[in-house]
Structures are given as C-alpha cells and as structure tokens.
Amino acid sequence: MSAPSPEAPLAKVLVVDDDATLLRMLEQTLTRAGYQVFTAPDAETGLEELERVAPDIVATDLKLPGMDGIEFLRQARTRRPVSEVIVMTGFATLERAVEAMRLGAYDFVEKPIDRDRLLRTVEKALEKHSLQAENTRLRARLAEGQGLARLVGTSRAMAALRELIERVAATDAPVLITGASGTGKEVVADVIHALSSRASGPLVKISCAAIPDPLLESELFGYEKGAFSGAIQAKPGRFELANRGTLFLDEIGEMPAPMQAKLLRVLQDGAVQRLGSTRDIHVDARVVTATNVDLGRALAEGRFREDLYHRLSVFEIQVPRLADHADDIPVLVDHFLARYGARRALPLERVSPEAMKALLSHPWSGNVRELENVIQRAVALAAGPALAETDVHLATYASRPRPAAGPGGLLIPTGTKMKDAEDLLIEDAIRRAGGNRERAAQMLGVSSRTLTRRARRTHEGAAETDGA
C-alpha cells in the first residue's frame, strides 16, 4: 500500500478479536501500513469503539465471546452503515462468512490470517468507502441544486438541453457530450448520473487528456501485483470502481489510438483485463464521454475510430456555447452572485446597469466557466452594495481568431493551404495570449493538449524546412 500523504488524515481501522496475540499482530501490521488502528477484545467493546472513533473500516472475528460476530455485524451496519466491514473466519465457519456477506459485509479473510491478503482487502474496502463518501457528497450537492436546476438558464436552448438530458438519463445507453471548453459538459454528466437508475452507485471520472498515455491503460483497467516495476500490489481500474454506476471519460477525443482499440473491446465484451492478468473481470458501468474536439474532423483524419464513435454516441448531447444563449447571462450572473456573494461579510445586492452592459457585450470564448470566474473575482474585489463596471475585469482577446485585415487582425491570404492556415491561427493565438498556451487553446476552442501537439508539428515542419 502506498503511504498516505502528510496532509491526508490516516484512515481508521477498528479490529475486533478475542485472541490477544492475533490482535497485537493485526494492530502492528495495519499501523505499519499507514492506518490508524483501534482494537477491541469483544463485540460489546467494539460497538463502543465504533461510536467513539467512527472508523472507515471494521475487521471482526465471527467467533466472539458474548455477542457473536454476526450480531455485531448487524448492529455495526445499523449504527454506522458507511463503515465497510471485513469478517475474519476459520475454515469451519465459512458458511457463516457467506451469511455475513449477505448481511452487508464487504469481504472475508480466512484464518490463519495472511497479512498481504488482509492488507489488499482493507485497501479495496477503503477505496469503496472513499468512493461512496465522495458520491454521498456529490448527491448532496446535486440535491441542493435539484439536479436539472444545476443547468441554470431560462432560454429555449437550455430548456431543450434539460429536456434531452431527462430523456437520456432514463435509459442505460452510452452518451457522448460535445461542446466547447467551459460550456458545462461535466455538469451535464453529473446530472445524467443523478437522474439515472444508477444514482445510488458510484460516479467515477477520469480525463483522458490529463493522464500520460502510458498510464492511461492501468488507470482504466487496473493492474495485478508485479505487472510492472512499482506494482507492489494489485489495484482495480476505474471501470471496476464504476461497477453498477457511471464511468465518465472526459476529453475522449484526446485518447490515443491504441487505447481506443482497447476501450472498444471493453465496450463490446463488457469485461476488462487488468495489466498482468489474462482473467476477464465483468463490469456493469454506464459509459458517458465528453469532448470539445470536432470528432467529425477527427474521424475524417483517422485520429478517432469510427466504430468506437458509434459505440459511444448512442445518444449525443451538444451543450450550447454561452454566445448561443446569451439571454441567460443575467440569470447566470445572479446565480454566481448569490453563490459567491454569500461568503462576503457585506452583501452585494445587485449588478449595476453599466456592469451588466459590459457582461452582455463580452464574447465569452471561455463560456460559462469564464463567466463564473469573472463574477467570482468581481465579488472578491467589489466594495458594494452593487457590482460596479470597474469590478468586472474582462479578457481582451476575441472569442475566436478570424481572418481579418487591419490593425491587430490576422490576414490569411487567399489560396493558403488548410494546414498553413491552421499554423498561422495557432501562432497568432499564442501571441495574443501572451505565450499562455492554455488561454490560446481556449481562444481556438481546442484542448491545450491538442494545441501543444499541433504547435509541435508546426515547429518540426519549420525545422525540416530550415535543414533542407
């Protein structure tokens, strides 16, 4: 097990067993592995400790003096249902271990205790506990926002979006969410999960662009102990963690070709193979994907598999740009003003007409995310009681580069090849963004990874020309 970071609180494990020698051994083993360990010699003391320390994981023997392990399990699940329970049992009581599993135990470990097996089981139980805790927090946030109400706006475009999401969420089919950066694709994925029949299951997220290509396979599919250097124990992948829930693959358009083929196989077979294993693990996870990449163009250029596209896009939801529902800007401004203004000592009561005029006239290339950031910053700076125009700091770059003549414009001569025009646009966007590639990518409506790849291609092409 990897050691917890110094900032992270230690996970709490309560061990209940009447064998004092075994109890000491388990306490030492778990403490060395980085857990905060509490012990109890019987079920009655175990319940007292359960109330006192609120453990993440409980490991209990089934044969205990007084109240037995089965009754302890029942009461533990009632008093603290968020704690995962592992039962420890001898061969003679395996039938009771199966009964314990029916009552809600996470897993069982046979005696004599194998330390590695115990640590693996505790780590897997802790992963489930952490995932469920995160999803509880997510569902609470969704409940506060009433699901669809998180998609703020009264425009016809937003009403149509909410209606489509409601219909799609009722099915179990894959969903592809498209739209420019900052439009709220992840929020759409959250709401689809919250409204689906899988809402009580996990929602697991991963960005295909944020994880280096060599690590993406192990993150998605997991690995066995010894699969590669550093794999000191087995680890489940995101597909397994999303079992009976939803797996959200963000920036799917950035997935490298070899991984596209492997993902397609999983979608076809409904099973994954961990790295270092030949065993199929069947998974039941609804796949929701998102991208700001033009997949039609990626298909035409051979950068994205057509068969995978059809698998992922049984339903396709396009999230509109803010410019396409600009009449929602006042509603969104009020929404963000209420959210961030609540943290102020002195309330902000309104937005001045001058500030609202400036907000309405801005092109919003960063979409709703950019608007939220602008309001958050303005609220922090405002003296009040109204948000003034001087509080609102808007980016000066255009919403997207376009051919233009004149001061500050970009002139692309007639007859310029598409590739060369792209190169000119990239160079111009990077220049106008002051060298900030993330901002330049926003201006162009692509991911920073795509921009870096294309800029590298431009540089390599120039180097070849110079060396010719």
Protein backbone atom coordinates (compact mmCIF):
# COMPACT_ATOMS: atom_id res chain seq x y z
CA MET A 1 0.00 0.00 0.00
CA SER A 2 1.23 3.48 -0.82
CA ALA A 3 1.83 5.67 2.22
CA PRO A 4 -0.71 8.44 2.79
CA SER A 5 0.45 11.98 2.15
CA PRO A 6 1.40 14.00 5.23
CA GLU A 7 -1.61 16.26 4.70
CA ALA A 8 -4.13 13.41 4.37
CA PRO A 9 -5.74 12.08 7.57
CA LEU A 10 -4.97 8.44 8.30
CA ALA A 11 -7.78 6.02 7.53
CA LYS A 12 -9.22 4.49 10.71
CA VAL A 13 -9.46 0.70 11.13
CA LEU A 14 -11.19 -0.98 14.08
CA VAL A 15 -10.15 -4.61 14.73
CA VAL A 16 -12.33 -6.82 16.96
CA ASP A 17 -10.94 -10.20 18.10
CA ASP A 18 -10.70 -12.06 21.42
CA ASP A 19 -7.27 -13.53 20.59
CA ALA A 20 -4.89 -11.03 22.24
CA THR A 21 -1.83 -12.27 20.32
CA LEU A 22 -3.58 -12.03 16.95
CA LEU A 23 -4.99 -8.64 17.90
CA ARG A 24 -1.48 -7.28 18.57
CA MET A 25 -0.17 -8.73 15.30
CA LEU A 26 -3.01 -7.18 13.30
CA GLU A 27 -2.54 -3.83 15.04
CA GLN A 28 1.18 -3.79 14.20
CA THR A 29 0.60 -4.89 10.57
CA LEU A 30 -2.05 -2.25 9.89
CA THR A 31 -0.16 0.51 11.72
CA ARG A 32 2.97 -0.16 9.66
CA ALA A 33 0.82 0.01 6.52
CA GLY A 34 -0.18 3.57 7.40
CA TYR A 35 -3.55 3.13 9.13
CA GLN A 36 -4.77 4.50 12.46
CA VAL A 37 -5.74 1.34 14.33
CA PHE A 38 -8.14 0.77 17.23
CA THR A 39 -8.77 -2.61 18.87
CA ALA A 40 -11.47 -4.32 20.92
CA PRO A 41 -11.43 -7.78 22.58
CA ASP A 42 -15.19 -8.39 22.23
CA ALA A 43 -18.27 -7.20 20.35
CA GLU A 44 -19.64 -5.04 23.16
CA THR A 45 -16.38 -3.06 23.41
CA GLY A 46 -16.25 -3.00 19.62
CA LEU A 47 -19.62 -1.23 19.43
CA GLU A 48 -18.44 1.34 21.99
CA GLU A 49 -15.31 1.99 19.89
CA LEU A 50 -17.42 2.16 16.74
CA GLU A 51 -19.41 5.05 18.25
CA ARG A 52 -16.31 6.73 19.67
CA VAL A 53 -13.85 6.67 16.75
CA ALA A 54 -16.18 6.37 13.69
CA PRO A 55 -13.84 4.01 11.77
CA ASP A 56 -13.70 3.77 7.99
CA ILE A 57 -13.07 0.01 8.09
CA VAL A 58 -14.03 -2.63 10.69
CA ALA A 59 -12.33 -6.05 10.75
CA THR A 60 -14.06 -8.52 13.08
CA ASP A 61 -13.79 -12.17 14.06
CA LEU A 62 -17.03 -14.14 13.73
CA LYS A 63 -16.45 -16.19 16.89
CA LEU A 64 -16.54 -13.77 19.79
CA PRO A 65 -17.39 -14.19 23.50
CA GLY A 66 -20.81 -12.83 24.45
CA MET A 67 -22.35 -11.19 21.38
CA ASP A 68 -21.16 -13.10 18.31
CA GLY A 69 -19.69 -11.63 15.17
CA ILE A 70 -22.90 -11.89 13.12
CA GLU A 71 -24.90 -9.89 15.66
CA PHE A 72 -22.02 -7.41 15.95
CA LEU A 73 -22.10 -7.01 12.17
CA ARG A 74 -25.87 -6.34 12.20
CA GLN A 75 -25.52 -3.67 14.87
CA ALA A 76 -22.43 -2.12 13.27
CA ARG A 77 -24.20 -1.81 9.90
CA THR A 78 -27.18 -0.20 11.65
CA ARG A 79 -25.18 2.24 13.78
CA ARG A 80 -22.61 3.21 11.16
CA PRO A 81 -23.63 2.00 7.69
CA VAL A 82 -20.81 3.96 5.99
CA SER A 83 -18.13 1.76 7.62
CA GLU A 84 -17.08 -1.22 5.50
CA VAL A 85 -16.91 -4.49 7.49
CA ILE A 86 -14.43 -7.29 6.81
CA VAL A 87 -15.03 -10.57 8.66
CA MET A 88 -12.22 -12.89 9.74
CA THR A 89 -13.17 -16.55 9.85
CA GLY A 90 -11.76 -20.05 10.16
CA PHE A 91 -12.48 -22.82 7.66
CA ALA A 92 -15.16 -24.28 9.94
CA THR A 93 -17.20 -21.09 9.83
CA LEU A 94 -17.09 -20.34 6.09
CA GLU A 95 -20.88 -20.76 5.87
CA ARG A 96 -21.25 -18.00 8.46
CA ALA A 97 -18.92 -15.82 6.41
CA VAL A 98 -21.29 -16.20 3.47
CA GLU A 99 -24.15 -15.21 5.77
CA ALA A 100 -22.14 -12.17 6.86
CA MET A 101 -21.71 -11.15 3.20
CA ARG A 102 -25.49 -11.31 2.75
CA LEU A 103 -25.84 -9.01 5.75
CA GLY A 104 -23.60 -6.39 4.17
CA ALA A 105 -20.01 -7.38 4.98
CA TYR A 106 -17.59 -6.18 2.29
CA ASP A 107 -15.47 -9.37 2.21
CA PHE A 108 -14.00 -12.07 4.41
CA VAL A 109 -10.45 -13.18 5.20
CA GLU A 110 -9.72 -16.75 6.24
CA LYS A 111 -7.66 -17.67 9.31
CA PRO A 112 -4.77 -18.10 9.74
CA ILE A 113 -4.52 -14.52 8.53
CA ASP A 114 -2.31 -13.88 5.51
CA ARG A 115 -1.01 -10.34 6.04
CA ASP A 116 -0.78 -9.46 2.33
CA ARG A 117 -4.31 -10.74 1.72
CA LEU A 118 -5.59 -8.73 4.68
CA LEU A 119 -3.89 -5.52 3.52
CA ARG A 120 -5.24 -5.94 -0.03
CA THR A 121 -8.75 -6.48 1.31
CA VAL A 122 -8.54 -3.46 3.63
CA GLU A 123 -7.25 -1.26 0.81
CA LYS A 124 -10.03 -2.34 -1.56
CA ALA A 125 -12.64 -1.79 1.17
CA LEU A 126 -11.18 1.66 1.81
CA GLU A 127 -11.36 2.53 -1.89
CA LYS A 128 -15.05 1.57 -1.89
CA HIS A 129 -15.62 3.57 1.31
CA SER A 130 -13.90 6.65 -0.15
CA LEU A 131 -15.81 6.39 -3.41
CA GLN A 132 -19.15 6.07 -1.63
CA ALA A 133 -18.31 9.03 0.62
CA GLU A 134 -17.45 11.15 -2.43
CA ASN A 135 -20.68 10.14 -4.13
CA THR A 136 -22.65 10.96 -1.00
CA ARG A 137 -21.15 14.44 -1.09
CA LEU A 138 -21.89 14.69 -4.81
CA ARG A 139 -25.52 13.61 -4.35
CA ALA A 140 -25.87 16.15 -1.54
CA ARG A 141 -24.60 18.89 -3.86
CA LEU A 142 -26.95 17.70 -6.59
CA ALA A 143 -29.84 17.63 -4.12
CA GLU A 144 -29.05 21.22 -3.16
CA GLY A 145 -29.13 22.12 -6.85
CA GLN A 146 -32.16 19.87 -7.51
CA GLY A 147 -30.46 18.00 -10.36
CA LEU A 148 -31.62 19.72 -13.55
CA ALA A 149 -31.71 23.06 -11.74
CA ARG A 150 -27.90 22.99 -11.83
CA LEU A 151 -28.23 23.81 -15.53
CA VAL A 152 -29.03 27.47 -14.98
CA GLY A 153 -30.88 29.37 -17.68
CA THR A 154 -34.37 30.21 -18.92
CA SER A 155 -33.56 30.32 -22.65
CA ARG A 156 -35.09 27.98 -25.19
CA ALA A 157 -31.66 26.36 -25.70
CA MET A 158 -31.28 25.48 -22.01
CA ALA A 159 -34.87 24.24 -21.76
CA ALA A 160 -34.22 21.92 -24.72
CA LEU A 161 -30.98 20.74 -23.12
CA ARG A 162 -32.71 19.90 -19.83
CA GLU A 163 -35.49 18.05 -21.64
CA LEU A 164 -32.99 15.96 -23.63
CA ILE A 165 -30.94 15.13 -20.52
CA GLU A 166 -34.06 13.97 -18.71
CA ARG A 167 -34.96 11.60 -21.56
CA VAL A 168 -31.41 10.29 -21.96
CA ALA A 169 -30.89 9.76 -18.22
CA ALA A 170 -33.86 7.36 -18.11
CA THR A 171 -32.02 4.95 -20.43
CA ASP A 172 -28.85 2.96 -19.81
CA ALA A 173 -27.21 3.66 -23.18
CA PRO A 174 -23.81 5.35 -23.69
CA VAL A 175 -23.87 9.14 -24.02
CA LEU A 176 -21.44 11.43 -25.84
CA ILE A 177 -21.46 15.04 -24.62
CA THR A 178 -19.97 17.57 -27.03
CA GLY A 179 -19.36 21.28 -26.73
CA ALA A 180 -16.67 23.91 -26.38
CA SER A 181 -14.47 24.26 -23.29
CA GLY A 182 -16.29 25.81 -20.36
CA THR A 183 -19.84 25.06 -21.51
CA GLY A 184 -20.59 22.70 -18.62
CA LYS A 185 -20.12 19.21 -20.08
CA GLU A 186 -19.07 17.75 -16.73
CA VAL A 187 -22.15 19.23 -15.06
CA VAL A 188 -24.29 17.52 -17.72
CA ALA A 189 -22.58 14.21 -16.91
CA ASP A 190 -23.24 14.74 -13.18
CA VAL A 191 -26.92 15.41 -13.80
CA ILE A 192 -27.31 12.39 -16.14
CA HIS A 193 -25.93 10.15 -13.40
CA ALA A 194 -28.03 11.78 -10.67
CA LEU A 195 -31.25 11.30 -12.65
CA SER A 196 -30.46 7.74 -13.74
CA SER A 197 -31.33 4.41 -12.14
CA ARG A 198 -27.63 4.18 -11.21
CA ALA A 199 -27.71 7.26 -8.97
CA SER A 200 -27.09 5.15 -5.86
CA GLY A 201 -23.98 3.67 -7.49
CA PRO A 202 -20.59 5.33 -7.98
CA LEU A 203 -19.83 8.11 -10.46
CA VAL A 204 -16.18 7.69 -11.44
CA LYS A 205 -14.43 10.35 -13.53
CA ILE A 206 -11.20 10.39 -15.49
CA SER A 207 -9.75 12.85 -18.01
CA CYS A 208 -8.16 11.12 -20.99
CA ALA A 209 -6.00 14.21 -21.61
CA ALA A 210 -4.78 14.70 -18.04
CA ILE A 211 -3.11 11.28 -17.68
CA PRO A 212 0.04 10.42 -19.67
CA ASP A 213 -0.58 7.83 -22.39
CA PRO A 214 1.50 5.03 -20.77
CA LEU A 215 -0.51 5.31 -17.52
CA LEU A 216 -4.00 5.59 -19.01
CA GLU A 217 -4.43 1.84 -19.54
CA SER A 218 -3.56 0.96 -15.94
CA GLU A 219 -5.83 3.74 -14.65
CA LEU A 220 -8.78 2.49 -16.69
CA PHE A 221 -8.30 -1.27 -16.39
CA GLY A 222 -6.19 -1.69 -13.22
CA TYR A 223 -3.21 -3.98 -12.75
CA GLU A 224 -2.04 -7.08 -10.89
CA LYS A 225 0.82 -7.26 -8.45
CA GLY A 226 4.11 -7.44 -10.36
CA ALA A 227 2.57 -6.29 -13.67
CA PHE A 228 5.32 -3.68 -13.92
CA SER A 229 8.05 -2.13 -11.80
CA GLY A 230 6.42 -0.47 -8.82
CA ALA A 231 3.22 -2.56 -8.93
CA ILE A 232 3.72 -3.91 -5.41
CA GLN A 233 0.08 -4.95 -5.12
CA ALA A 234 -3.00 -5.27 -7.29
CA LYS A 235 -5.15 -2.23 -7.99
CA PRO A 236 -8.63 -2.09 -9.57
CA GLY A 237 -9.12 0.24 -12.51
CA ARG A 238 -11.77 2.92 -12.98
CA PHE A 239 -14.05 0.51 -14.84
CA GLU A 240 -14.16 -1.82 -11.84
CA LEU A 241 -14.66 1.08 -9.43
CA ALA A 242 -17.59 2.26 -11.54
CA ASN A 243 -19.35 -1.11 -11.43
CA ARG A 244 -23.15 -0.62 -11.17
CA GLY A 245 -22.60 3.09 -11.61
CA THR A 246 -21.38 5.51 -14.27
CA LEU A 247 -17.90 5.99 -15.74
CA PHE A 248 -17.29 9.50 -17.12
CA LEU A 249 -14.45 9.70 -19.66
CA ASP A 250 -13.70 13.37 -20.21
CA GLU A 251 -11.79 14.60 -23.28
CA ILE A 252 -12.34 11.30 -25.07
CA GLY A 253 -11.20 12.93 -28.32
CA GLU A 254 -7.66 13.02 -26.89
CA MET A 255 -7.49 9.25 -26.28
CA PRO A 256 -4.54 7.73 -28.19
CA ALA A 257 -5.35 5.22 -30.96
CA PRO A 258 -4.06 2.07 -29.16
CA MET A 259 -6.27 2.86 -26.15
CA GLN A 260 -9.26 3.45 -28.44
CA ALA A 261 -8.98 -0.16 -29.65
CA LYS A 262 -8.79 -1.47 -26.08
CA LEU A 263 -11.74 0.65 -24.95
CA LEU A 264 -13.79 -0.64 -27.88
CA ARG A 265 -13.10 -4.22 -26.81
CA VAL A 266 -14.28 -3.50 -23.26
CA LEU A 267 -17.48 -1.90 -24.54
CA GLN A 268 -18.12 -4.89 -26.81
CA ASP A 269 -17.34 -7.59 -24.23
CA GLY A 270 -18.46 -5.90 -21.02
CA ALA A 271 -15.25 -7.11 -19.36
CA VAL A 272 -11.79 -5.77 -18.54
CA GLN A 273 -8.44 -7.44 -18.08
CA ARG A 274 -6.05 -5.90 -15.59
CA LEU A 275 -2.48 -5.39 -16.73
CA GLY A 276 -0.54 -8.54 -15.95
CA SER A 277 -3.65 -10.76 -15.99
CA THR A 278 -5.47 -12.93 -18.54
CA ARG A 279 -8.64 -13.14 -16.45
CA ASP A 280 -11.74 -11.28 -17.60
CA ILE A 281 -13.50 -9.19 -14.94
CA HIS A 282 -17.07 -8.44 -15.92
CA VAL A 283 -18.16 -4.88 -15.26
CA ASP A 284 -21.53 -3.17 -15.39
CA ALA A 285 -20.80 0.52 -15.87
CA ARG A 286 -22.66 3.04 -17.99
CA VAL A 287 -20.14 4.99 -20.07
CA VAL A 288 -20.62 8.73 -20.52
CA THR A 289 -17.98 10.59 -22.54
CA ALA A 290 -17.29 14.22 -23.37
CA THR A 291 -15.11 16.12 -25.81
CA ASN A 292 -14.51 19.60 -27.16
CA VAL A 293 -12.73 18.11 -30.19
CA ASP A 294 -14.50 18.09 -33.54
CA LEU A 295 -14.92 14.31 -33.78
CA GLY A 296 -16.24 14.55 -37.34
CA ARG A 297 -12.92 16.02 -38.38
CA ALA A 298 -11.01 13.55 -36.20
CA LEU A 299 -12.85 10.69 -37.94
CA ALA A 300 -12.04 12.11 -41.37
CA GLU A 301 -8.36 12.48 -40.44
CA GLY A 302 -8.19 8.94 -38.99
CA ARG A 303 -7.46 10.16 -35.45
CA PHE A 304 -10.60 8.61 -33.99
CA ARG A 305 -12.08 5.18 -34.68
CA GLU A 306 -15.45 5.23 -36.42
CA ASP A 307 -16.61 2.01 -34.72
CA LEU A 308 -15.75 3.44 -31.30
CA TYR A 309 -17.56 6.68 -32.12
CA HIS A 310 -20.76 4.77 -32.95
CA ARG A 311 -20.44 2.78 -29.71
CA LEU A 312 -20.07 5.91 -27.60
CA SER A 313 -22.64 8.12 -29.31
CA VAL A 314 -25.87 6.13 -29.00
CA PHE A 315 -27.09 9.43 -27.59
CA GLU A 316 -25.25 12.65 -28.37
CA ILE A 317 -25.85 15.81 -26.37
CA GLN A 318 -24.41 19.08 -27.63
CA VAL A 319 -24.01 21.71 -24.92
CA PRO A 320 -24.52 25.19 -26.42
CA ARG A 321 -21.92 27.93 -26.24
CA LEU A 322 -22.81 30.81 -23.97
CA ALA A 323 -22.95 33.05 -27.05
CA ASP A 324 -25.79 30.84 -28.34
CA HIS A 325 -27.93 31.54 -25.25
CA ALA A 326 -26.63 34.98 -24.28
CA ASP A 327 -30.06 35.91 -22.91
CA ASP A 328 -29.20 33.62 -19.98
CA ILE A 329 -26.26 35.84 -18.94
CA PRO A 330 -28.29 37.95 -16.44
CA VAL A 331 -29.71 34.77 -14.85
CA LEU A 332 -26.24 33.20 -14.64
CA VAL A 333 -24.77 36.40 -13.20
CA ASP A 334 -27.44 36.43 -10.46
CA HIS A 335 -26.75 32.75 -9.79
CA PHE A 336 -22.99 33.23 -9.38
CA LEU A 337 -23.52 36.46 -7.46
CA ALA A 338 -25.65 34.58 -4.92
CA ARG A 339 -23.14 31.73 -4.71
CA TYR A 340 -20.03 33.82 -4.13
CA GLY A 341 -21.70 36.81 -2.51
CA ALA A 342 -22.90 34.63 0.36
CA ARG A 343 -19.28 34.35 1.52
CA ARG A 344 -18.91 38.11 1.95
CA ALA A 345 -19.31 39.95 5.23
CA LEU A 346 -21.14 42.78 3.39
CA PRO A 347 -23.77 41.57 0.90
CA LEU A 348 -23.88 42.52 -2.78
CA GLU A 349 -27.45 43.43 -3.58
CA ARG A 350 -27.37 43.95 -7.34
CA VAL A 351 -25.35 44.43 -10.51
CA SER A 352 -25.07 47.96 -11.86
CA PRO A 353 -26.52 48.61 -15.37
CA GLU A 354 -23.02 49.53 -16.62
CA ALA A 355 -21.53 46.27 -15.34
CA MET A 356 -24.36 44.22 -16.85
CA LYS A 357 -23.92 46.01 -20.19
CA ALA A 358 -20.22 45.11 -20.19
CA LEU A 359 -21.03 41.49 -19.35
CA LEU A 360 -23.65 41.24 -22.10
CA SER A 361 -21.33 42.66 -24.76
CA HIS A 362 -18.38 40.35 -23.97
CA PRO A 363 -17.83 37.46 -26.45
CA TRP A 364 -17.25 34.79 -23.71
CA SER A 365 -14.87 32.50 -25.55
CA GLY A 366 -14.45 30.62 -22.25
CA ASN A 367 -18.23 30.21 -21.98
CA VAL A 368 -19.97 29.69 -18.62
CA ARG A 369 -16.70 28.80 -16.88
CA GLU A 370 -15.19 32.13 -17.89
CA LEU A 371 -18.32 33.99 -16.75
CA GLU A 372 -18.20 32.23 -13.37
CA ASN A 373 -14.52 33.10 -12.90
CA VAL A 374 -15.17 36.75 -13.80
CA ILE A 375 -18.04 37.02 -11.29
CA GLN A 376 -16.09 35.22 -8.57
CA ARG A 377 -13.19 37.65 -8.99
CA ALA A 378 -15.52 40.66 -9.19
CA VAL A 379 -17.32 39.69 -5.99
CA ALA A 380 -13.98 39.45 -4.19
CA LEU A 381 -12.99 42.95 -5.37
CA ALA A 382 -16.31 44.77 -5.09
CA ALA A 383 -16.83 47.37 -2.38
CA GLY A 384 -20.62 47.05 -2.74
CA PRO A 385 -23.52 47.27 -2.38
CA ALA A 386 -23.71 46.95 -6.19
CA LEU A 387 -21.29 45.21 -8.54
CA ALA A 388 -19.76 48.08 -10.49
CA GLU A 389 -18.31 48.07 -14.01
CA THR A 390 -14.85 48.74 -12.53
CA ASP A 391 -15.13 45.48 -10.52
CA VAL A 392 -15.58 43.44 -13.69
CA HIS A 393 -12.30 42.55 -15.37
CA LEU A 394 -12.88 41.04 -18.80
CA ALA A 395 -10.31 39.37 -21.03
CA THR A 396 -9.49 41.47 -24.09
CA TYR A 397 -8.94 38.63 -26.55
CA ALA A 398 -11.59 37.89 -29.14
CA SER A 399 -13.90 34.91 -28.77
CA ARG A 400 -12.15 33.11 -31.63
CA PRO A 401 -9.49 34.15 -34.12
CA ARG A 402 -10.92 35.01 -37.51
CA PRO A 403 -9.36 36.25 -40.76
CA ALA A 404 -9.33 39.99 -40.78
CA ALA A 405 -7.35 42.85 -42.20
CA GLY A 406 -6.42 45.95 -40.29
CA PRO A 407 -4.66 46.78 -37.03
CA GLY A 408 -4.43 43.76 -34.68
CA GLY A 409 -6.15 41.49 -37.21
CA LEU A 410 -4.88 38.32 -38.81
CA LEU A 411 -4.66 38.30 -42.58
CA ILE A 412 -4.72 34.88 -44.26
CA PRO A 413 -4.03 35.27 -47.98
CA THR A 414 -6.43 33.69 -50.44
CA GLY A 415 -5.16 30.30 -51.57
CA THR A 416 -3.43 29.45 -48.29
CA LYS A 417 -3.44 25.70 -47.64
CA MET A 418 -5.58 24.49 -44.71
CA LYS A 419 -2.55 23.20 -42.78
CA ASP A 420 -0.70 26.51 -43.20
CA ALA A 421 -3.81 28.49 -42.18
CA GLU A 422 -4.02 26.37 -39.02
CA ASP A 423 -0.39 27.11 -38.25
CA LEU A 424 -0.99 30.84 -38.68
CA LEU A 425 -4.02 30.72 -36.38
CA ILE A 426 -2.09 28.85 -33.69
CA GLU A 427 0.86 31.25 -33.83
CA ASP A 428 -1.50 34.24 -33.70
CA ALA A 429 -3.49 32.84 -30.77
CA ILE A 430 -0.34 32.10 -28.75
CA ARG A 431 0.97 35.60 -29.49
CA ARG A 432 -2.27 37.30 -28.44
CA ALA A 433 -2.46 35.13 -25.32
CA GLY A 434 0.98 36.40 -24.28
CA GLY A 435 2.52 32.94 -24.66
CA ASN A 436 -0.10 31.31 -22.39
CA ARG A 437 -0.94 28.12 -24.29
CA GLU A 438 -3.91 27.20 -22.12
CA ARG A 439 -5.55 30.56 -22.88
CA ALA A 440 -4.62 30.25 -26.56
CA ALA A 441 -6.29 26.82 -26.64
CA GLN A 442 -9.43 28.37 -25.12
CA MET A 443 -9.45 31.03 -27.80
CA LEU A 444 -9.24 28.37 -30.51
CA GLY A 445 -11.85 26.10 -28.89
CA VAL A 446 -9.46 23.13 -28.54
CA SER A 447 -7.78 21.43 -25.61
CA SER A 448 -4.32 22.55 -24.51
CA ARG A 449 -3.03 19.08 -25.39
CA THR A 450 -4.30 19.40 -28.97
CA LEU A 451 -2.74 22.85 -29.26
CA THR A 452 0.63 21.59 -27.97
CA ARG A 453 0.60 18.68 -30.42
CA ARG A 454 -0.23 20.91 -33.41
CA ALA A 455 2.25 23.59 -32.36
CA ARG A 456 4.94 20.90 -32.10
CA ARG A 457 4.03 19.72 -35.60
CA THR A 458 4.41 23.29 -36.86
CA HIS A 459 7.81 23.66 -35.17
CA GLU A 460 9.06 20.33 -36.53
CA GLY A 461 7.91 21.27 -40.02
CA ALA A 462 9.79 24.57 -39.79
CA ALA A 463 12.93 22.79 -38.57
CA GLU A 464 12.80 20.38 -41.52
CA THR A 465 12.47 23.35 -43.93
CA ASP A 466 15.44 25.11 -42.31
CA GLY A 467 17.55 21.98 -42.58
CA ALA A 468 16.62 21.27 -46.17
